[in-house]
Amino acid sequence: GFARFCSVQYTTCLDELDNRLVHLTNVSVQKHADDYDERHGGKWALENLRLFLEGTRGKEVTDRLFQDVDRVVVTSLKAVQNVIVNDPHCFECYGYDILIDEDLKPWLIEVNASPALGATTPADRQLKQALINDVLEVVFHPAFVEGKTNRSAAGTKPRVVGGFTLIFDETRETDTTKKREAPRI
């Protein structure tokens, strides 16, 4: 995945309320900014965001943020699991738009089914090609294609396939995790 940024520092100043460069990270908006960088298009790979945050905010706080983002993804999917088409012969890639506030709290903005994969910069093209490769690695993982479970000696499923990390395994969900937890706000 990747993180997108505005080219103008966010402000709550009412004079800037109509300034789209402050509020929208879309490339179609940001490319009109005076200091728009065409090399990266206002996007960083998530690995680069993680490194930046670890260097400026600390590893523990950054780890907590990424765990919270994982929780947002899992919770949102659980909320709609009964209406998602569950066909073993197809797959869907979802794009999550999550805003991270100054306290490193993630806020779910929207989830896009089949997000756009068009590239606006060479760096963006690399990010999206890696995403497509990772999705195909999950879908056509040799262990799954061959009908193997690819379990380790301890009997656990692989935690990383392609560039994805397993963040929830419903086969290992226990009764205590099935209890509804109040959302953290």
N, C-alpha and C. Protein backbone atom coordinates (compact mmCIF):
# COMPACT_ATOMS: atom_id res chain seq x y z
N GLY A 1 0.80 -1.18 0.00
CA GLY A 1 0.00 0.00 0.00
C GLY A 1 0.86 1.25 0.00
N PHE A 2 0.20 2.36 0.03
CA PHE A 2 0.93 3.63 0.02
C PHE A 2 0.18 4.68 0.82
N ALA A 3 0.90 5.75 1.14
CA ALA A 3 0.33 6.89 1.85
C ALA A 3 0.37 8.08 0.91
N ARG A 4 -0.70 8.87 0.91
CA ARG A 4 -0.76 10.07 0.08
C ARG A 4 -0.74 11.30 0.98
N PHE A 5 -0.17 12.39 0.43
CA PHE A 5 -0.02 13.61 1.21
C PHE A 5 -0.50 14.82 0.42
N CYS A 6 -0.93 15.84 1.16
CA CYS A 6 -1.23 17.13 0.56
C CYS A 6 0.07 17.90 0.42
N SER A 7 0.12 18.81 -0.53
CA SER A 7 1.32 19.62 -0.73
C SER A 7 1.32 20.85 0.16
N VAL A 8 0.21 21.11 0.81
CA VAL A 8 0.06 22.28 1.68
C VAL A 8 -0.26 21.78 3.09
N GLN A 9 0.38 22.37 4.08
CA GLN A 9 0.16 22.00 5.47
C GLN A 9 -1.31 22.18 5.85
N TYR A 10 -1.89 21.17 6.51
CA TYR A 10 -3.28 21.26 6.95
C TYR A 10 -3.45 22.38 7.98
N THR A 11 -4.55 23.06 7.88
CA THR A 11 -4.88 24.11 8.84
C THR A 11 -6.39 24.16 9.04
N THR A 12 -6.81 24.59 10.21
CA THR A 12 -8.24 24.78 10.48
C THR A 12 -8.65 26.23 10.24
N CYS A 13 -7.74 27.02 9.72
CA CYS A 13 -8.02 28.43 9.44
C CYS A 13 -9.17 28.54 8.44
N LEU A 14 -10.17 29.32 8.77
CA LEU A 14 -11.34 29.47 7.91
C LEU A 14 -11.00 30.06 6.55
N ASP A 15 -9.92 30.83 6.47
CA ASP A 15 -9.50 31.40 5.18
C ASP A 15 -9.07 30.32 4.20
N GLU A 16 -8.69 29.15 4.71
CA GLU A 16 -8.21 28.05 3.86
C GLU A 16 -9.27 26.98 3.63
N LEU A 17 -10.48 27.23 4.07
CA LEU A 17 -11.54 26.22 3.98
C LEU A 17 -11.80 25.77 2.54
N ASP A 18 -11.69 26.66 1.59
CA ASP A 18 -11.94 26.31 0.18
C ASP A 18 -10.67 25.90 -0.57
N ASN A 19 -9.55 25.84 0.11
CA ASN A 19 -8.29 25.46 -0.54
C ASN A 19 -8.22 23.94 -0.66
N ARG A 20 -8.48 23.42 -1.83
CA ARG A 20 -8.50 21.98 -2.05
C ARG A 20 -7.12 21.35 -1.80
N LEU A 21 -6.06 22.10 -1.99
CA LEU A 21 -4.71 21.57 -1.78
C LEU A 21 -4.44 21.22 -0.32
N VAL A 22 -5.20 21.82 0.59
CA VAL A 22 -5.06 21.56 2.02
C VAL A 22 -5.81 20.30 2.43
N HIS A 23 -6.93 20.03 1.76
CA HIS A 23 -7.86 19.01 2.24
C HIS A 23 -7.92 17.73 1.40
N LEU A 24 -7.48 17.74 0.16
CA LEU A 24 -7.61 16.58 -0.71
C LEU A 24 -6.24 16.07 -1.16
N THR A 25 -6.00 14.79 -0.97
CA THR A 25 -4.71 14.21 -1.35
C THR A 25 -4.71 13.67 -2.78
N ASN A 26 -5.82 13.69 -3.46
CA ASN A 26 -5.91 13.15 -4.81
C ASN A 26 -4.87 13.81 -5.72
N VAL A 27 -4.22 12.98 -6.53
CA VAL A 27 -3.23 13.48 -7.47
C VAL A 27 -3.87 14.47 -8.44
N SER A 28 -5.12 14.20 -8.84
CA SER A 28 -5.79 15.10 -9.79
C SER A 28 -5.90 16.52 -9.23
N VAL A 29 -5.89 16.66 -7.92
CA VAL A 29 -5.92 17.97 -7.27
C VAL A 29 -4.50 18.46 -7.00
N GLN A 30 -3.68 17.61 -6.39
CA GLN A 30 -2.35 18.01 -5.94
C GLN A 30 -1.39 18.36 -7.07
N LYS A 31 -1.60 17.80 -8.27
CA LYS A 31 -0.68 18.06 -9.38
C LYS A 31 -0.70 19.53 -9.82
N HIS A 32 -1.68 20.30 -9.36
CA HIS A 32 -1.77 21.72 -9.70
C HIS A 32 -1.05 22.60 -8.68
N ALA A 33 -0.48 22.00 -7.64
CA ALA A 33 0.24 22.77 -6.63
C ALA A 33 1.59 23.22 -7.18
N ASP A 34 2.05 24.38 -6.71
CA ASP A 34 3.33 24.91 -7.17
C ASP A 34 4.50 23.98 -6.85
N ASP A 35 4.44 23.32 -5.70
CA ASP A 35 5.56 22.47 -5.29
C ASP A 35 5.26 20.97 -5.44
N TYR A 36 4.37 20.61 -6.35
CA TYR A 36 4.06 19.20 -6.62
C TYR A 36 5.32 18.51 -7.15
N ASP A 37 5.64 17.37 -6.59
CA ASP A 37 6.82 16.61 -6.99
C ASP A 37 6.39 15.47 -7.92
N GLU A 38 6.70 15.59 -9.19
CA GLU A 38 6.27 14.60 -10.18
C GLU A 38 6.98 13.26 -10.03
N ARG A 39 8.09 13.21 -9.29
CA ARG A 39 8.79 11.93 -9.10
C ARG A 39 7.98 10.97 -8.25
N HIS A 40 7.42 11.47 -7.15
CA HIS A 40 6.67 10.57 -6.26
C HIS A 40 5.19 10.92 -6.18
N GLY A 41 4.78 12.06 -6.71
CA GLY A 41 3.36 12.40 -6.78
C GLY A 41 2.67 12.53 -5.43
N GLY A 42 3.42 12.87 -4.39
CA GLY A 42 2.81 13.01 -3.07
C GLY A 42 2.47 11.67 -2.44
N LYS A 43 3.11 10.59 -2.89
CA LYS A 43 2.85 9.25 -2.35
C LYS A 43 4.15 8.64 -1.84
N TRP A 44 4.01 7.91 -0.74
CA TRP A 44 5.11 7.12 -0.19
C TRP A 44 4.64 5.68 -0.06
N ALA A 45 5.53 4.75 -0.26
CA ALA A 45 5.23 3.36 0.08
C ALA A 45 5.01 3.30 1.59
N LEU A 46 4.14 2.40 2.05
CA LEU A 46 3.87 2.29 3.49
C LEU A 46 5.14 2.01 4.28
N GLU A 47 6.07 1.29 3.68
CA GLU A 47 7.34 1.02 4.36
C GLU A 47 8.09 2.32 4.65
N ASN A 48 8.04 3.27 3.71
CA ASN A 48 8.69 4.56 3.92
C ASN A 48 7.97 5.38 4.98
N LEU A 49 6.64 5.32 4.99
CA LEU A 49 5.89 6.01 6.04
C LEU A 49 6.25 5.43 7.40
N ARG A 50 6.32 4.10 7.48
CA ARG A 50 6.68 3.45 8.75
C ARG A 50 8.07 3.90 9.21
N LEU A 51 9.03 3.91 8.30
CA LEU A 51 10.40 4.34 8.67
C LEU A 51 10.41 5.79 9.15
N PHE A 52 9.69 6.66 8.45
CA PHE A 52 9.62 8.06 8.85
C PHE A 52 9.02 8.20 10.24
N LEU A 53 7.90 7.51 10.47
CA LEU A 53 7.23 7.62 11.78
C LEU A 53 8.08 7.01 12.89
N GLU A 54 8.75 5.90 12.62
CA GLU A 54 9.63 5.32 13.64
C GLU A 54 10.75 6.29 13.99
N GLY A 55 11.27 7.01 12.98
CA GLY A 55 12.36 7.96 13.22
C GLY A 55 11.91 9.23 13.91
N THR A 56 10.65 9.63 13.71
CA THR A 56 10.19 10.89 14.28
C THR A 56 9.28 10.72 15.49
N ARG A 57 8.58 9.59 15.59
CA ARG A 57 7.63 9.39 16.68
C ARG A 57 7.97 8.20 17.57
N GLY A 58 8.86 7.33 17.08
CA GLY A 58 9.26 6.17 17.88
C GLY A 58 8.64 4.88 17.37
N LYS A 59 9.33 3.79 17.59
CA LYS A 59 8.91 2.48 17.11
C LYS A 59 7.63 2.00 17.79
N GLU A 60 7.54 2.16 19.10
CA GLU A 60 6.37 1.67 19.84
C GLU A 60 5.08 2.35 19.36
N VAL A 61 5.13 3.66 19.21
CA VAL A 61 3.96 4.42 18.76
C VAL A 61 3.60 4.03 17.32
N THR A 62 4.61 3.86 16.49
CA THR A 62 4.38 3.48 15.09
C THR A 62 3.79 2.08 15.00
N ASP A 63 4.33 1.15 15.78
CA ASP A 63 3.77 -0.22 15.79
C ASP A 63 2.31 -0.19 16.22
N ARG A 64 1.98 0.63 17.21
CA ARG A 64 0.60 0.74 17.68
C ARG A 64 -0.30 1.28 16.56
N LEU A 65 0.19 2.29 15.82
CA LEU A 65 -0.59 2.84 14.71
C LEU A 65 -0.90 1.75 13.68
N PHE A 66 0.12 1.01 13.27
CA PHE A 66 -0.10 -0.01 12.25
C PHE A 66 -0.99 -1.15 12.76
N GLN A 67 -0.91 -1.46 14.05
CA GLN A 67 -1.84 -2.44 14.64
C GLN A 67 -3.26 -1.89 14.62
N ASP A 68 -3.41 -0.60 14.91
CA ASP A 68 -4.73 0.02 14.88
C ASP A 68 -5.30 0.04 13.46
N VAL A 69 -4.45 0.28 12.47
CA VAL A 69 -4.91 0.25 11.07
C VAL A 69 -5.36 -1.17 10.73
N ASP A 70 -4.60 -2.18 11.13
CA ASP A 70 -5.00 -3.57 10.91
C ASP A 70 -6.36 -3.84 11.54
N ARG A 71 -6.57 -3.32 12.75
CA ARG A 71 -7.83 -3.51 13.46
C ARG A 71 -8.99 -2.85 12.70
N VAL A 72 -8.75 -1.68 12.13
CA VAL A 72 -9.77 -1.00 11.33
C VAL A 72 -10.16 -1.86 10.13
N VAL A 73 -9.16 -2.42 9.46
CA VAL A 73 -9.43 -3.25 8.28
C VAL A 73 -10.24 -4.49 8.68
N VAL A 74 -9.77 -5.19 9.70
CA VAL A 74 -10.46 -6.42 10.13
C VAL A 74 -11.88 -6.11 10.59
N THR A 75 -12.04 -5.08 11.40
CA THR A 75 -13.37 -4.72 11.92
C THR A 75 -14.32 -4.35 10.79
N SER A 76 -13.84 -3.61 9.81
CA SER A 76 -14.71 -3.22 8.69
C SER A 76 -15.11 -4.44 7.87
N LEU A 77 -14.20 -5.37 7.66
CA LEU A 77 -14.54 -6.58 6.90
C LEU A 77 -15.50 -7.48 7.68
N LYS A 78 -15.29 -7.58 8.98
CA LYS A 78 -16.22 -8.36 9.80
C LYS A 78 -17.62 -7.76 9.78
N ALA A 79 -17.69 -6.43 9.73
CA ALA A 79 -18.99 -5.75 9.74
C ALA A 79 -19.82 -6.07 8.51
N VAL A 80 -19.16 -6.38 7.39
CA VAL A 80 -19.89 -6.63 6.15
C VAL A 80 -19.72 -8.06 5.63
N GLN A 81 -19.17 -8.93 6.46
CA GLN A 81 -18.87 -10.28 5.99
C GLN A 81 -20.08 -11.03 5.46
N ASN A 82 -21.26 -10.75 5.95
CA ASN A 82 -22.46 -11.46 5.51
C ASN A 82 -22.99 -10.96 4.17
N VAL A 83 -22.49 -9.82 3.69
CA VAL A 83 -22.96 -9.31 2.40
C VAL A 83 -21.89 -9.34 1.32
N ILE A 84 -20.68 -9.72 1.69
CA ILE A 84 -19.61 -9.85 0.69
C ILE A 84 -19.80 -11.17 -0.04
N VAL A 85 -19.70 -11.13 -1.36
CA VAL A 85 -19.81 -12.34 -2.15
C VAL A 85 -18.63 -13.24 -1.82
N ASN A 86 -18.93 -14.46 -1.41
CA ASN A 86 -17.88 -15.41 -1.03
C ASN A 86 -17.84 -16.54 -2.07
N ASP A 87 -17.17 -16.28 -3.17
CA ASP A 87 -17.05 -17.24 -4.25
C ASP A 87 -15.61 -17.73 -4.31
N PRO A 88 -15.39 -19.02 -4.14
CA PRO A 88 -14.02 -19.52 -4.15
C PRO A 88 -13.33 -19.41 -5.51
N HIS A 89 -14.06 -19.00 -6.53
CA HIS A 89 -13.49 -18.91 -7.88
C HIS A 89 -13.18 -17.47 -8.30
N CYS A 90 -13.28 -16.53 -7.37
CA CYS A 90 -12.94 -15.15 -7.70
C CYS A 90 -12.38 -14.46 -6.46
N PHE A 91 -11.86 -13.27 -6.64
CA PHE A 91 -11.31 -12.51 -5.53
C PHE A 91 -11.58 -11.03 -5.76
N GLU A 92 -11.41 -10.26 -4.72
CA GLU A 92 -11.61 -8.82 -4.79
C GLU A 92 -10.46 -8.15 -4.06
N CYS A 93 -9.99 -7.06 -4.61
CA CYS A 93 -8.97 -6.24 -3.95
C CYS A 93 -9.68 -4.98 -3.44
N TYR A 94 -9.51 -4.68 -2.17
CA TYR A 94 -10.14 -3.50 -1.58
C TYR A 94 -9.08 -2.44 -1.31
N GLY A 95 -9.44 -1.21 -1.56
CA GLY A 95 -8.56 -0.08 -1.27
C GLY A 95 -9.11 0.69 -0.09
N TYR A 96 -8.32 0.81 0.96
CA TYR A 96 -8.75 1.50 2.17
C TYR A 96 -8.19 2.91 2.20
N ASP A 97 -9.07 3.88 2.38
CA ASP A 97 -8.65 5.27 2.59
C ASP A 97 -8.77 5.52 4.09
N ILE A 98 -7.62 5.69 4.72
CA ILE A 98 -7.57 5.89 6.17
C ILE A 98 -6.79 7.17 6.45
N LEU A 99 -7.41 8.07 7.15
CA LEU A 99 -6.76 9.30 7.56
C LEU A 99 -6.06 9.04 8.89
N ILE A 100 -4.85 9.53 9.02
CA ILE A 100 -4.10 9.39 10.28
C ILE A 100 -3.95 10.79 10.86
N ASP A 101 -4.49 10.98 12.06
CA ASP A 101 -4.46 12.32 12.65
C ASP A 101 -3.11 12.58 13.34
N GLU A 102 -2.98 13.76 13.90
CA GLU A 102 -1.71 14.17 14.50
C GLU A 102 -1.33 13.32 15.72
N ASP A 103 -2.31 12.64 16.31
CA ASP A 103 -2.05 11.75 17.43
C ASP A 103 -1.82 10.31 16.97
N LEU A 104 -1.67 10.14 15.66
CA LEU A 104 -1.48 8.84 15.02
C LEU A 104 -2.65 7.89 15.28
N LYS A 105 -3.83 8.45 15.24
CA LYS A 105 -5.04 7.65 15.34
C LYS A 105 -5.61 7.50 13.93
N PRO A 106 -5.88 6.26 13.50
CA PRO A 106 -6.43 6.07 12.16
C PRO A 106 -7.95 6.25 12.14
N TRP A 107 -8.44 6.88 11.07
CA TRP A 107 -9.87 7.10 10.87
C TRP A 107 -10.23 6.55 9.50
N LEU A 108 -11.17 5.62 9.45
CA LEU A 108 -11.60 5.06 8.17
C LEU A 108 -12.43 6.09 7.42
N ILE A 109 -12.01 6.43 6.22
CA ILE A 109 -12.73 7.37 5.38
C ILE A 109 -13.67 6.61 4.44
N GLU A 110 -13.12 5.63 3.72
CA GLU A 110 -13.92 4.82 2.82
C GLU A 110 -13.15 3.57 2.42
N VAL A 111 -13.90 2.60 1.88
CA VAL A 111 -13.30 1.39 1.34
C VAL A 111 -13.75 1.30 -0.11
N ASN A 112 -12.80 1.15 -1.02
CA ASN A 112 -13.10 1.05 -2.43
C ASN A 112 -12.97 -0.39 -2.90
N ALA A 113 -14.02 -0.91 -3.51
CA ALA A 113 -13.93 -2.22 -4.15
C ALA A 113 -13.26 -2.00 -5.50
N SER A 114 -12.29 -2.84 -5.81
CA SER A 114 -11.55 -2.73 -7.07
C SER A 114 -11.02 -1.31 -7.28
N PRO A 115 -10.11 -0.85 -6.43
CA PRO A 115 -9.59 0.52 -6.55
C PRO A 115 -8.84 0.71 -7.87
N ALA A 116 -8.80 1.95 -8.32
CA ALA A 116 -8.09 2.28 -9.56
C ALA A 116 -6.62 1.91 -9.44
N LEU A 117 -6.09 1.32 -10.48
CA LEU A 117 -4.68 0.91 -10.47
C LEU A 117 -3.87 1.66 -11.52
N GLY A 118 -4.41 2.75 -12.05
CA GLY A 118 -3.66 3.58 -12.98
C GLY A 118 -2.52 4.27 -12.25
N ALA A 119 -1.41 4.45 -12.93
CA ALA A 119 -0.23 5.06 -12.32
C ALA A 119 -0.04 6.49 -12.82
N THR A 120 0.36 7.37 -11.91
CA THR A 120 0.57 8.77 -12.27
C THR A 120 2.04 9.16 -12.31
N THR A 121 2.91 8.35 -11.70
CA THR A 121 4.35 8.61 -11.69
C THR A 121 5.08 7.27 -11.80
N PRO A 122 6.36 7.31 -12.13
CA PRO A 122 7.13 6.05 -12.15
C PRO A 122 7.11 5.34 -10.80
N ALA A 123 7.21 6.09 -9.71
CA ALA A 123 7.18 5.48 -8.37
C ALA A 123 5.81 4.86 -8.11
N ASP A 124 4.76 5.54 -8.54
CA ASP A 124 3.40 5.02 -8.39
C ASP A 124 3.23 3.73 -9.20
N ARG A 125 3.80 3.72 -10.38
CA ARG A 125 3.73 2.51 -11.22
C ARG A 125 4.40 1.34 -10.51
N GLN A 126 5.54 1.58 -9.89
CA GLN A 126 6.23 0.51 -9.15
C GLN A 126 5.39 0.02 -7.99
N LEU A 127 4.78 0.95 -7.24
CA LEU A 127 3.92 0.57 -6.12
C LEU A 127 2.75 -0.29 -6.58
N LYS A 128 2.10 0.14 -7.64
CA LYS A 128 0.91 -0.58 -8.12
C LYS A 128 1.29 -1.93 -8.75
N GLN A 129 2.43 -1.99 -9.46
CA GLN A 129 2.87 -3.27 -10.01
C GLN A 129 3.18 -4.26 -8.89
N ALA A 130 3.80 -3.77 -7.82
CA ALA A 130 4.08 -4.63 -6.67
C ALA A 130 2.78 -5.11 -6.04
N LEU A 131 1.80 -4.23 -5.93
CA LEU A 131 0.49 -4.60 -5.37
C LEU A 131 -0.15 -5.71 -6.22
N ILE A 132 -0.15 -5.52 -7.52
CA ILE A 132 -0.75 -6.53 -8.41
C ILE A 132 -0.01 -7.86 -8.28
N ASN A 133 1.32 -7.81 -8.25
CA ASN A 133 2.10 -9.04 -8.07
C ASN A 133 1.78 -9.72 -6.75
N ASP A 134 1.65 -8.92 -5.69
CA ASP A 134 1.34 -9.48 -4.37
C ASP A 134 -0.05 -10.11 -4.34
N VAL A 135 -1.03 -9.45 -4.97
CA VAL A 135 -2.39 -10.01 -5.03
C VAL A 135 -2.36 -11.34 -5.77
N LEU A 136 -1.67 -11.38 -6.90
CA LEU A 136 -1.60 -12.63 -7.67
C LEU A 136 -0.85 -13.71 -6.91
N GLU A 137 0.14 -13.33 -6.12
CA GLU A 137 0.86 -14.31 -5.31
C GLU A 137 -0.07 -14.93 -4.26
N VAL A 138 -0.96 -14.11 -3.69
CA VAL A 138 -1.93 -14.64 -2.73
C VAL A 138 -2.92 -15.55 -3.44
N VAL A 139 -3.46 -15.09 -4.57
CA VAL A 139 -4.48 -15.85 -5.28
C VAL A 139 -3.92 -17.15 -5.84
N PHE A 140 -2.71 -17.10 -6.36
CA PHE A 140 -2.12 -18.28 -6.99
C PHE A 140 -0.94 -18.82 -6.20
N HIS A 141 -0.98 -18.67 -4.88
CA HIS A 141 0.11 -19.17 -4.04
C HIS A 141 0.26 -20.67 -4.26
N PRO A 142 1.49 -21.14 -4.51
CA PRO A 142 1.69 -22.56 -4.83
C PRO A 142 1.09 -23.51 -3.80
N ALA A 143 1.16 -23.17 -2.53
CA ALA A 143 0.62 -24.06 -1.49
C ALA A 143 -0.89 -24.19 -1.63
N PHE A 144 -1.56 -23.12 -2.02
CA PHE A 144 -3.00 -23.17 -2.16
C PHE A 144 -3.41 -23.80 -3.49
N VAL A 145 -2.66 -23.49 -4.55
CA VAL A 145 -2.96 -24.06 -5.87
C VAL A 145 -2.79 -25.57 -5.84
N GLU A 146 -1.76 -26.05 -5.14
CA GLU A 146 -1.49 -27.48 -5.07
C GLU A 146 -2.32 -28.18 -4.00
N GLY A 147 -3.15 -27.43 -3.28
CA GLY A 147 -4.00 -28.02 -2.26
C GLY A 147 -3.29 -28.29 -0.95
N LYS A 148 -2.10 -27.76 -0.79
CA LYS A 148 -1.37 -27.92 0.47
C LYS A 148 -1.76 -26.78 1.40
N THR A 149 -1.56 -26.99 2.67
CA THR A 149 -1.88 -25.91 3.62
C THR A 149 -0.65 -25.07 3.95
N ASN A 150 0.52 -25.54 3.55
CA ASN A 150 1.76 -24.81 3.79
C ASN A 150 1.93 -24.47 5.27
N ARG A 151 1.71 -25.47 6.12
CA ARG A 151 1.83 -25.27 7.56
C ARG A 151 3.26 -25.52 8.01
N SER A 152 3.66 -24.80 9.01
CA SER A 152 4.98 -25.02 9.57
C SER A 152 4.91 -26.20 10.54
N ALA A 153 6.05 -26.55 11.10
CA ALA A 153 6.08 -27.68 12.04
C ALA A 153 5.14 -27.44 13.22
N ALA A 154 4.96 -26.20 13.59
CA ALA A 154 4.08 -25.88 14.71
C ALA A 154 2.61 -25.90 14.30
N GLY A 155 2.34 -26.10 12.99
CA GLY A 155 0.96 -26.18 12.52
C GLY A 155 0.31 -24.83 12.27
N THR A 156 1.09 -23.79 12.11
CA THR A 156 0.52 -22.48 11.85
C THR A 156 0.61 -22.15 10.38
N LYS A 157 -0.33 -21.38 9.88
CA LYS A 157 -0.33 -20.96 8.48
C LYS A 157 0.72 -19.88 8.28
N PRO A 158 1.19 -19.73 7.05
CA PRO A 158 2.18 -18.67 6.80
C PRO A 158 1.59 -17.31 7.12
N ARG A 159 2.38 -16.44 7.69
CA ARG A 159 1.90 -15.12 8.08
C ARG A 159 2.15 -14.09 6.99
N VAL A 160 3.03 -14.41 6.02
CA VAL A 160 3.32 -13.47 4.95
C VAL A 160 3.26 -14.20 3.62
N VAL A 161 2.50 -13.64 2.68
CA VAL A 161 2.45 -14.14 1.31
C VAL A 161 2.53 -12.93 0.41
N GLY A 162 3.45 -12.97 -0.55
CA GLY A 162 3.67 -11.77 -1.36
C GLY A 162 4.07 -10.65 -0.44
N GLY A 163 3.52 -9.48 -0.62
CA GLY A 163 3.81 -8.36 0.26
C GLY A 163 2.76 -8.17 1.34
N PHE A 164 1.90 -9.17 1.51
CA PHE A 164 0.82 -9.08 2.49
C PHE A 164 1.15 -9.84 3.75
N THR A 165 0.71 -9.33 4.87
CA THR A 165 0.85 -9.99 6.15
C THR A 165 -0.54 -10.41 6.63
N LEU A 166 -0.65 -11.63 7.10
CA LEU A 166 -1.93 -12.11 7.64
C LEU A 166 -2.23 -11.33 8.92
N ILE A 167 -3.35 -10.62 8.93
CA ILE A 167 -3.69 -9.84 10.12
C ILE A 167 -4.87 -10.43 10.87
N PHE A 168 -5.55 -11.43 10.28
CA PHE A 168 -6.65 -12.08 10.96
C PHE A 168 -6.82 -13.47 10.36
N ASP A 169 -6.91 -14.47 11.20
CA ASP A 169 -7.11 -15.84 10.75
C ASP A 169 -8.38 -16.35 11.40
N GLU A 170 -9.46 -16.42 10.63
CA GLU A 170 -10.75 -16.79 11.22
C GLU A 170 -10.76 -18.23 11.71
N THR A 171 -9.85 -19.07 11.21
CA THR A 171 -9.80 -20.45 11.69
C THR A 171 -9.21 -20.54 13.09
N ARG A 172 -8.55 -19.48 13.52
CA ARG A 172 -7.94 -19.46 14.85
C ARG A 172 -8.68 -18.56 15.82
N GLU A 173 -9.79 -18.00 15.37
CA GLU A 173 -10.58 -17.11 16.23
C GLU A 173 -11.14 -17.92 17.40
N THR A 174 -10.98 -17.40 18.59
CA THR A 174 -11.49 -18.09 19.78
C THR A 174 -12.78 -17.42 20.24
N ASP A 175 -13.46 -18.08 21.18
CA ASP A 175 -14.70 -17.52 21.70
C ASP A 175 -14.49 -16.14 22.29
N THR A 176 -13.34 -15.88 22.89
CA THR A 176 -13.11 -14.57 23.51
C THR A 176 -12.96 -13.49 22.46
N THR A 177 -12.46 -13.83 21.26
CA THR A 177 -12.31 -12.81 20.23
C THR A 177 -13.62 -12.57 19.50
N LYS A 178 -14.58 -13.46 19.66
CA LYS A 178 -15.87 -13.28 18.99
C LYS A 178 -16.75 -12.29 19.73
N LYS A 179 -16.42 -12.00 20.99
CA LYS A 179 -17.20 -11.03 21.75
C LYS A 179 -17.08 -9.67 21.09
N ARG A 180 -18.17 -8.93 21.09
CA ARG A 180 -18.13 -7.60 20.51
C ARG A 180 -17.38 -6.67 21.45
N GLU A 181 -16.43 -5.97 20.87
CA GLU A 181 -15.70 -4.99 21.64
C GLU A 181 -16.18 -3.61 21.25
N ALA A 182 -16.27 -2.73 22.20
CA ALA A 182 -16.65 -1.35 21.90
C ALA A 182 -15.55 -0.73 21.06
N PRO A 183 -15.91 0.00 19.99
CA PRO A 183 -14.88 0.63 19.16
C PRO A 183 -14.12 1.68 19.95
N ARG A 184 -12.83 1.77 19.69
CA ARG A 184 -12.00 2.80 20.31
C ARG A 184 -12.19 4.09 19.55
N ILE A 185 -12.63 5.11 20.23
CA ILE A 185 -12.85 6.41 19.58
C ILE A 185 -11.97 7.44 20.22
